[in-house]
């Protein structure tokens, strides 16, 4: 388990920052080449990295029953992730072993995967179940013609997929329990945006932009450039306090509850944001499509303290609507503008300073893993 601050320790640190007009600071400045957001060669290396890391694919709650599946492309690879009759989650390359047609799209629940081209059928555990007119394929060994598996595992309420030989622990390093079994998914959406996937991740890693970007949305309820920033393994947690946290000063420390007083933003390396907000939790996946295009996939879940009632769901939906329609829209607009600004060639590097500690940690980690990957490819 990571050595994250307790809720009580976070509250005390926030109070100190409020009183002293300070924030958590990093120790280093990082200069990231702008070319790393534009280069096709760099993008290809990042996809190779993603295939060799355990990357969160979805919340466990998205696969609630035997036969529940999600089919989508991850790091350029079409995959199916499915919960078996035995309750175990498995992942497969999404291609029939006959002629390669994809077996499923989107999400749903099924008893078997049947190819829509010739009808070859596969069990939930990937075994080849049926070949129509199998007398025409006398030499096909069913034991070796099942779906091609990739590694899947459940940790911390998440389903992780590792497509190729693991090069690093990635997000699994020091992973906390992020989701409880009682949390329910109440929305899922996705869309494609015209910006680099890393720019999207960076937008959630600092509070230095709150006042300038979220003048009338988040800033009236929160603080500008006042954050608690923690790194654990390859990951980070950034705490964004609300002004109403001041109400806790009047309570004895043992009676203070942090729920609704802060947003905890967990950045799971390299492309996952999990934000625990006032009345709901969102998991956002930044799926790279090209150096300048990203598919954003979001799951909205109730919070841990939700009782699952209609009123709790309604509160969660209102909270999600505010975040999606106002604050998140502003971050998306800012990220689109950064992407458009790359063409100006005004900057050779982006400079991340002491107030952007989590971003510095992110790029240091990525550089280390990419260097290791390249050394392996070159044999050095």
Protein backbone atom coordinates (compact mmCIF):
# COMPACT_ATOMS: atom_id res chain seq x y z
CA UNK A 1 0.00 0.00 0.00
CA UNK A 2 1.27 3.51 -0.74
CA UNK A 3 2.34 5.82 2.03
CA UNK A 4 -0.28 8.43 1.30
CA UNK A 5 -1.27 10.95 3.94
CA UNK A 6 -4.33 10.12 5.99
CA UNK A 7 -7.42 12.31 5.59
CA UNK A 8 -6.62 13.95 8.92
CA UNK A 9 -3.07 14.72 7.80
CA UNK A 10 -4.33 16.17 4.51
CA UNK A 11 -6.73 18.46 6.39
CA UNK A 12 -3.94 19.71 8.66
CA UNK A 13 -1.63 20.34 5.73
CA UNK A 14 -4.34 22.26 3.88
CA UNK A 15 -4.91 24.42 6.97
CA UNK A 16 -1.18 25.20 7.14
CA UNK A 17 -1.17 26.20 3.48
CA UNK A 18 -4.22 28.43 3.95
CA UNK A 19 -2.67 30.11 6.99
CA UNK A 20 0.74 30.56 5.37
CA UNK A 21 -0.47 31.27 1.83
CA UNK A 22 1.66 28.38 0.53
CA UNK A 23 1.26 25.16 -1.43
CA UNK A 24 3.17 21.91 -1.87
CA UNK A 25 6.20 22.47 -4.08
CA UNK A 26 8.50 20.23 -6.03
CA UNK A 27 12.27 20.29 -5.95
CA UNK A 28 12.95 20.27 -9.69
CA UNK A 29 12.15 22.14 -12.89
CA UNK A 30 11.54 19.97 -15.96
CA UNK A 31 11.94 21.00 -19.60
CA UNK A 32 9.93 18.72 -21.88
CA UNK A 33 10.70 19.00 -25.61
CA UNK A 34 7.66 20.18 -27.55
CA UNK A 35 8.60 17.67 -30.23
CA UNK A 36 7.54 14.91 -27.79
CA UNK A 37 3.94 16.07 -28.30
CA UNK A 38 4.22 16.09 -32.11
CA UNK A 39 6.62 13.36 -33.19
CA UNK A 40 5.23 10.21 -34.81
CA UNK A 41 8.38 8.36 -33.74
CA UNK A 42 7.87 9.38 -30.12
CA UNK A 43 4.18 8.45 -30.35
CA UNK A 44 5.08 4.97 -31.61
CA UNK A 45 7.45 4.54 -28.66
CA UNK A 46 4.68 5.58 -26.26
CA UNK A 47 2.35 2.95 -27.73
CA UNK A 48 5.05 0.32 -27.25
CA UNK A 49 5.37 1.46 -23.65
CA UNK A 50 1.60 1.25 -23.09
CA UNK A 51 1.54 -2.31 -24.42
CA UNK A 52 4.25 -3.34 -21.96
CA UNK A 53 2.73 -1.78 -18.85
CA UNK A 54 -0.23 -2.93 -16.75
CA UNK A 55 -2.72 -0.22 -17.76
CA UNK A 56 -6.19 0.20 -16.20
CA UNK A 57 -8.78 -0.79 -18.81
CA UNK A 58 -12.01 -0.15 -16.89
CA UNK A 59 -13.46 -0.22 -13.37
CA UNK A 60 -14.28 -3.71 -12.13
CA UNK A 61 -17.86 -2.46 -11.77
CA UNK A 62 -18.08 -2.19 -15.57
CA UNK A 63 -17.96 -6.00 -15.71
CA UNK A 64 -20.54 -6.91 -13.05
CA UNK A 65 -21.75 -10.31 -14.27
CA UNK A 66 -20.53 -13.47 -15.97
CA UNK A 67 -20.45 -12.65 -19.68
CA UNK A 68 -20.09 -8.89 -19.19
CA UNK A 69 -17.58 -7.62 -21.72
CA UNK A 70 -15.99 -4.48 -23.12
CA UNK A 71 -14.46 -4.43 -26.60
CA UNK A 72 -12.30 -1.47 -27.56
CA UNK A 73 -8.90 -0.53 -28.90
CA UNK A 74 -6.14 0.08 -26.35
CA UNK A 75 -2.68 1.29 -27.43
CA UNK A 76 -3.67 0.52 -31.01
CA UNK A 77 -4.72 -3.06 -30.26
CA UNK A 78 -8.36 -4.26 -30.53
CA UNK A 79 -9.14 -6.12 -27.28
CA UNK A 80 -12.03 -7.90 -25.58
CA UNK A 81 -12.11 -7.95 -21.77
CA UNK A 82 -14.75 -10.27 -20.30
CA UNK A 83 -15.78 -11.74 -16.96
CA UNK A 84 -15.97 -15.53 -17.17
CA UNK A 85 -18.50 -17.92 -15.70
CA UNK A 86 -15.97 -18.50 -12.90
CA UNK A 87 -15.91 -14.77 -12.07
CA UNK A 88 -12.39 -14.30 -13.41
CA UNK A 89 -11.70 -11.40 -15.78
CA UNK A 90 -9.79 -12.32 -18.94
CA UNK A 91 -8.56 -10.33 -21.93
CA UNK A 92 -8.11 -11.41 -25.54
CA UNK A 93 -7.05 -9.95 -28.84
CA UNK A 94 -10.29 -9.12 -30.64
CA UNK A 95 -9.91 -11.27 -33.76
CA UNK A 96 -11.43 -14.53 -34.92
CA UNK A 97 -8.82 -17.27 -35.42
CA UNK A 98 -10.34 -18.17 -38.78
CA UNK A 99 -10.17 -15.00 -40.89
CA UNK A 100 -9.52 -12.31 -38.28
CA UNK A 101 -12.86 -10.49 -38.09
CA UNK A 102 -13.42 -8.68 -34.79
CA UNK A 103 -15.81 -10.63 -32.59
CA UNK A 104 -17.40 -7.84 -30.56
CA UNK A 105 -17.89 -4.09 -30.40
CA UNK A 106 -18.72 -1.80 -27.50
CA UNK A 107 -19.97 -3.44 -24.34
CA UNK A 108 -22.64 -5.94 -23.38
CA UNK A 109 -23.23 -9.36 -21.93
CA UNK A 110 -22.98 -12.66 -23.79
CA UNK A 111 -22.66 -16.41 -23.29
CA UNK A 112 -20.16 -16.82 -26.13
CA UNK A 113 -18.38 -14.80 -28.80
CA UNK A 114 -19.60 -15.73 -32.27
CA UNK A 115 -17.90 -14.40 -35.37
CA UNK A 116 -20.32 -12.59 -37.67
CA UNK A 117 -18.42 -13.72 -40.77
CA UNK A 118 -18.55 -17.53 -40.68
CA UNK A 119 -19.94 -18.33 -37.25
CA UNK A 120 -16.89 -19.65 -35.44
CA UNK A 121 -17.74 -19.49 -31.72
CA UNK A 122 -15.58 -19.06 -28.62
CA UNK A 123 -16.30 -19.64 -24.92
CA UNK A 124 -15.85 -16.86 -22.40
CA UNK A 125 -12.52 -18.39 -21.42
CA UNK A 126 -11.35 -18.04 -25.03
CA UNK A 127 -11.55 -21.70 -26.04
CA UNK A 128 -12.78 -22.46 -29.55
CA UNK A 129 -16.27 -23.93 -29.04
CA UNK A 130 -17.75 -24.46 -32.49
CA UNK A 131 -16.78 -24.50 -36.18
CA UNK A 132 -19.77 -24.65 -38.55
CA UNK A 133 -19.31 -27.48 -41.04
CA UNK A 134 -16.15 -28.52 -39.26
CA UNK A 135 -15.58 -31.34 -41.72
CA UNK A 136 -14.12 -28.64 -43.96
CA UNK A 137 -11.33 -28.02 -41.42
CA UNK A 138 -9.99 -31.48 -40.57
CA UNK A 139 -6.56 -30.22 -39.51
CA UNK A 140 -7.62 -27.35 -37.24
CA UNK A 141 -6.51 -28.09 -33.68
CA UNK A 142 -9.16 -26.54 -31.43
CA UNK A 143 -6.74 -26.46 -28.50
CA UNK A 144 -4.43 -24.09 -30.37
CA UNK A 145 -7.12 -22.02 -32.13
CA UNK A 146 -8.71 -20.33 -29.16
CA UNK A 147 -8.68 -16.56 -28.78
CA UNK A 148 -5.21 -15.12 -28.24
CA UNK A 149 -4.97 -14.01 -24.59
CA UNK A 150 -3.27 -11.01 -23.03
CA UNK A 151 -2.69 -10.58 -19.30
CA UNK A 152 -5.63 -9.30 -17.25
CA UNK A 153 -5.81 -8.80 -13.49
CA UNK A 154 -8.05 -7.02 -10.99
CA UNK A 155 -6.48 -4.75 -8.39
CA UNK A 156 -7.90 -1.92 -6.32
CA UNK A 157 -11.33 -2.11 -7.99
CA UNK A 158 -9.78 -1.81 -11.47
CA UNK A 159 -9.16 -4.19 -14.35
CA UNK A 160 -5.59 -3.98 -15.65
CA UNK A 161 -4.41 -5.26 -19.02
CA UNK A 162 -0.79 -5.91 -20.03
CA UNK A 163 -0.55 -6.71 -23.72
CA UNK A 164 3.08 -7.77 -23.98
CA UNK A 165 5.96 -8.70 -21.68
CA UNK A 166 5.89 -6.29 -18.75
CA UNK A 167 8.73 -3.78 -18.63
CA UNK A 168 7.68 -1.98 -15.41
CA UNK A 169 4.93 -2.06 -12.78
CA UNK A 170 3.43 1.21 -14.01
CA UNK A 171 0.22 2.09 -12.20
CA UNK A 172 0.37 -1.09 -10.11
CA UNK A 173 3.28 0.30 -8.12
CA UNK A 174 1.97 0.98 -4.60
CA UNK A 175 -1.66 1.02 -5.80
CA UNK A 176 -4.32 1.85 -3.16
CA UNK A 177 -7.85 0.46 -3.08
CA UNK A 178 -9.55 3.06 -5.22
CA UNK A 179 -13.02 1.57 -5.65
CA UNK A 180 -15.33 -0.26 -3.25
CA UNK A 181 -17.80 -2.96 -4.24
CA UNK A 182 -20.81 -0.78 -3.44
CA UNK A 183 -19.90 1.88 -6.01
CA UNK A 184 -22.23 1.90 -9.02
CA UNK A 185 -21.62 3.17 -12.55
CA UNK A 186 -24.31 5.67 -13.53
CA UNK A 187 -22.82 6.98 -16.77
CA UNK A 188 -20.28 6.09 -19.42
CA UNK A 189 -19.33 8.27 -22.34
CA UNK A 190 -16.53 8.71 -24.82
CA UNK A 191 -15.42 11.04 -27.57
CA UNK A 192 -12.41 11.98 -29.64
CA UNK A 193 -10.51 15.20 -29.03
CA UNK A 194 -7.91 16.89 -31.21
CA UNK A 195 -4.96 17.01 -28.83
CA UNK A 196 -2.07 14.91 -27.59
CA UNK A 197 -3.00 12.48 -24.84
CA UNK A 198 -0.29 13.70 -22.46
CA UNK A 199 -1.55 17.28 -22.62
CA UNK A 200 -4.88 15.96 -21.36
CA UNK A 201 -3.23 14.20 -18.43
CA UNK A 202 -1.23 17.28 -17.43
CA UNK A 203 -4.36 19.41 -17.11
CA UNK A 204 -5.38 17.51 -13.96
CA UNK A 205 -1.95 17.47 -12.31
CA UNK A 206 -1.77 20.98 -10.88
CA UNK A 207 -3.86 23.73 -9.32
CA UNK A 208 -1.67 26.55 -10.59
CA UNK A 209 -4.24 27.23 -13.34
CA UNK A 210 -7.42 27.28 -11.22
CA UNK A 211 -7.97 31.03 -10.96
CA UNK A 212 -7.06 31.87 -14.55
CA UNK A 213 -8.89 28.96 -16.20
CA UNK A 214 -11.85 28.36 -13.87
CA UNK A 215 -12.62 31.95 -12.83
CA UNK A 216 -16.38 31.49 -12.44
CA UNK A 217 -16.67 27.71 -12.03
CA UNK A 218 -14.17 26.03 -9.69
CA UNK A 219 -12.32 29.05 -8.32
CA UNK A 220 -15.29 30.56 -6.37
CA UNK A 221 -15.48 27.27 -4.43
CA UNK A 222 -11.79 26.46 -4.21
CA UNK A 223 -8.32 27.93 -4.04
CA UNK A 224 -5.79 29.05 -6.59
CA UNK A 225 -2.45 27.25 -6.43
CA UNK A 226 -3.12 25.52 -3.11
CA UNK A 227 -2.63 21.78 -3.31
CA UNK A 228 -1.29 18.79 -1.47
CA UNK A 229 0.80 16.78 -3.95
CA UNK A 230 1.91 13.21 -3.25
CA UNK A 231 3.73 10.74 -5.47
CA UNK A 232 3.59 7.00 -4.97
CA UNK A 233 5.42 4.68 -7.33
CA UNK A 234 4.77 5.95 -10.84
CA UNK A 235 1.52 7.59 -9.73
CA UNK A 236 0.43 10.83 -8.07
CA UNK A 237 -2.38 12.14 -5.90
CA UNK A 238 -3.24 15.83 -6.03
CA UNK A 239 -5.62 17.24 -3.43
CA UNK A 240 -7.78 20.20 -4.47
CA UNK A 241 -9.44 21.66 -1.33
CA UNK A 242 -12.74 23.52 -1.31
CA UNK A 243 -13.10 26.74 0.70
CA UNK A 244 -15.70 25.03 2.87
CA UNK A 245 -12.93 22.94 4.43
CA UNK A 246 -12.58 25.91 6.81
CA UNK A 247 -15.78 24.68 8.52
CA UNK A 248 -13.77 21.77 9.93
CA UNK A 249 -11.57 24.04 12.04
CA UNK A 250 -14.30 24.27 14.66
CA UNK A 251 -14.46 20.49 15.08
CA UNK A 252 -12.16 18.27 17.15
CA UNK A 253 -9.69 16.52 14.86
CA UNK A 254 -11.26 13.09 15.46
CA UNK A 255 -14.66 14.35 14.28
CA UNK A 256 -13.45 15.88 11.02
CA UNK A 257 -14.55 14.19 7.79
CA UNK A 258 -12.88 15.08 4.51
CA UNK A 259 -15.73 13.89 2.26
CA UNK A 260 -17.02 16.81 0.21
CA UNK A 261 -14.22 19.07 1.44
CA UNK A 262 -11.62 18.19 -1.21
CA UNK A 263 -11.24 16.57 -4.58
CA UNK A 264 -8.71 13.77 -4.60
CA UNK A 265 -7.24 13.41 -8.11
CA UNK A 266 -5.32 10.16 -8.60
CA UNK A 267 -3.11 10.05 -11.69
CA UNK A 268 -2.43 6.40 -12.48
CA UNK A 269 0.51 6.15 -14.81
CA UNK A 270 0.40 6.77 -17.65
CA UNK A 271 -3.11 7.60 -18.91
CA UNK A 272 -5.74 7.32 -16.15
CA UNK A 273 -7.35 9.98 -13.96
CA UNK A 274 -9.58 8.99 -11.04
CA UNK A 275 -11.16 12.01 -9.38
CA UNK A 276 -13.09 11.61 -6.15
CA UNK A 277 -15.41 14.62 -6.11
CA UNK A 278 -18.10 15.84 -3.72
CA UNK A 279 -20.86 13.44 -4.76
CA UNK A 280 -19.37 11.18 -7.41
CA UNK A 281 -16.16 9.62 -8.68
CA UNK A 282 -15.01 9.75 -12.29
CA UNK A 283 -12.51 7.49 -14.01
CA UNK A 284 -11.16 9.02 -17.22
CA UNK A 285 -9.01 7.14 -19.74
CA UNK A 286 -6.91 9.03 -22.30
CA UNK A 287 -6.48 6.55 -25.15
CA UNK A 288 -3.84 7.73 -27.66
CA UNK A 289 -4.95 7.62 -31.31
CA UNK A 290 -2.23 9.73 -32.93
CA UNK A 291 0.18 12.46 -31.81
CA UNK A 292 -2.70 14.94 -32.07
CA UNK A 293 -5.83 12.85 -31.39
CA UNK A 294 -7.05 11.21 -28.18
CA UNK A 295 -10.10 9.13 -27.35
CA UNK A 296 -11.44 10.11 -23.91
CA UNK A 297 -13.45 7.41 -22.12
CA UNK A 298 -15.17 8.33 -18.85
CA UNK A 299 -17.02 6.32 -16.23
CA UNK A 300 -19.08 8.07 -13.56
CA UNK A 301 -19.53 6.17 -10.32
CA UNK A 302 -21.23 6.85 -7.03
CA UNK A 303 -18.90 7.57 -4.12
CA UNK A 304 -17.91 5.06 -1.45
CA UNK A 305 -20.33 6.55 1.07
CA UNK A 306 -23.32 6.30 -1.29
CA UNK A 307 -26.27 4.23 -0.08
CA UNK A 308 -27.39 3.55 -3.64
CA UNK A 309 -30.70 5.36 -3.15
CA UNK A 310 -32.44 7.35 -5.89
CA UNK A 311 -31.55 10.55 -4.02
CA UNK A 312 -27.86 9.58 -3.90
CA UNK A 313 -27.83 8.84 -7.63
CA UNK A 314 -29.54 12.17 -8.32
CA UNK A 315 -26.89 14.01 -6.27
CA UNK A 316 -24.16 12.19 -8.16
CA UNK A 317 -25.72 13.10 -11.51
CA UNK A 318 -25.98 16.79 -10.57
CA UNK A 319 -22.36 16.80 -9.44
CA UNK A 320 -21.27 15.09 -12.66
CA UNK A 321 -23.25 17.52 -14.82
CA UNK A 322 -21.52 20.50 -13.18
CA UNK A 323 -18.08 19.01 -13.69
CA UNK A 324 -18.74 17.92 -17.30
CA UNK A 325 -20.55 21.04 -18.44
CA UNK A 326 -18.38 23.67 -16.78
CA UNK A 327 -15.00 22.86 -15.28
CA UNK A 328 -14.09 19.96 -17.57
CA UNK A 329 -15.20 21.93 -20.61
CA UNK A 330 -12.75 24.69 -19.67
CA UNK A 331 -9.87 22.22 -19.28
CA UNK A 332 -10.70 20.67 -22.66
CA UNK A 333 -10.75 24.11 -24.30
CA UNK A 334 -7.39 25.00 -22.76
CA UNK A 335 -5.87 21.70 -23.94
CA UNK A 336 -7.19 22.17 -27.48
CA UNK A 337 -5.61 25.63 -27.49
CA UNK A 338 -2.25 24.24 -26.38
CA UNK A 339 -2.39 21.67 -29.18
CA UNK A 340 -3.20 24.38 -31.73
CA UNK A 341 -0.36 26.50 -30.34
CA UNK A 342 2.19 23.77 -31.05
CA UNK A 343 2.06 24.75 -34.71
CA UNK A 344 3.35 28.23 -33.85
CA UNK A 345 6.77 26.73 -33.06
CA UNK A 346 7.19 29.46 -30.44
CA UNK A 347 8.50 26.95 -27.89
CA UNK A 348 11.18 24.31 -28.21
CA UNK A 349 10.35 23.10 -24.67
CA UNK A 350 7.59 23.41 -22.11
CA UNK A 351 8.90 24.37 -18.68
CA UNK A 352 7.26 22.76 -15.63
CA UNK A 353 8.13 24.47 -12.37
CA UNK A 354 7.91 23.89 -8.63
CA UNK A 355 4.11 24.25 -8.61
CA UNK A 356 3.84 21.42 -11.17
CA UNK A 357 5.48 18.71 -9.09
CA UNK A 358 3.22 15.90 -10.30
CA UNK A 359 3.88 16.73 -13.96
CA UNK A 360 7.63 16.67 -13.35
CA UNK A 361 7.26 13.26 -11.68
CA UNK A 362 5.16 12.08 -14.62
CA UNK A 363 7.70 13.04 -17.27
CA UNK A 364 10.66 11.74 -15.27
CA UNK A 365 8.89 8.38 -14.93
CA UNK A 366 7.98 8.24 -18.61
CA UNK A 367 11.50 9.16 -19.70
CA UNK A 368 12.97 6.45 -17.49
CA UNK A 369 10.63 3.75 -18.87
CA UNK A 370 11.04 4.84 -22.50
CA UNK A 371 14.83 4.84 -22.11
CA UNK A 372 14.65 1.31 -20.69
CA UNK A 373 12.42 0.23 -23.56
CA UNK A 374 14.76 1.71 -26.16
CA UNK A 375 17.80 0.11 -24.51
CA UNK A 376 16.05 -3.25 -24.78
CA UNK A 377 15.28 -2.71 -28.47
CA UNK A 378 18.85 -1.70 -29.27
CA UNK A 379 20.37 -4.42 -27.10
CA UNK A 380 22.42 -1.97 -25.02
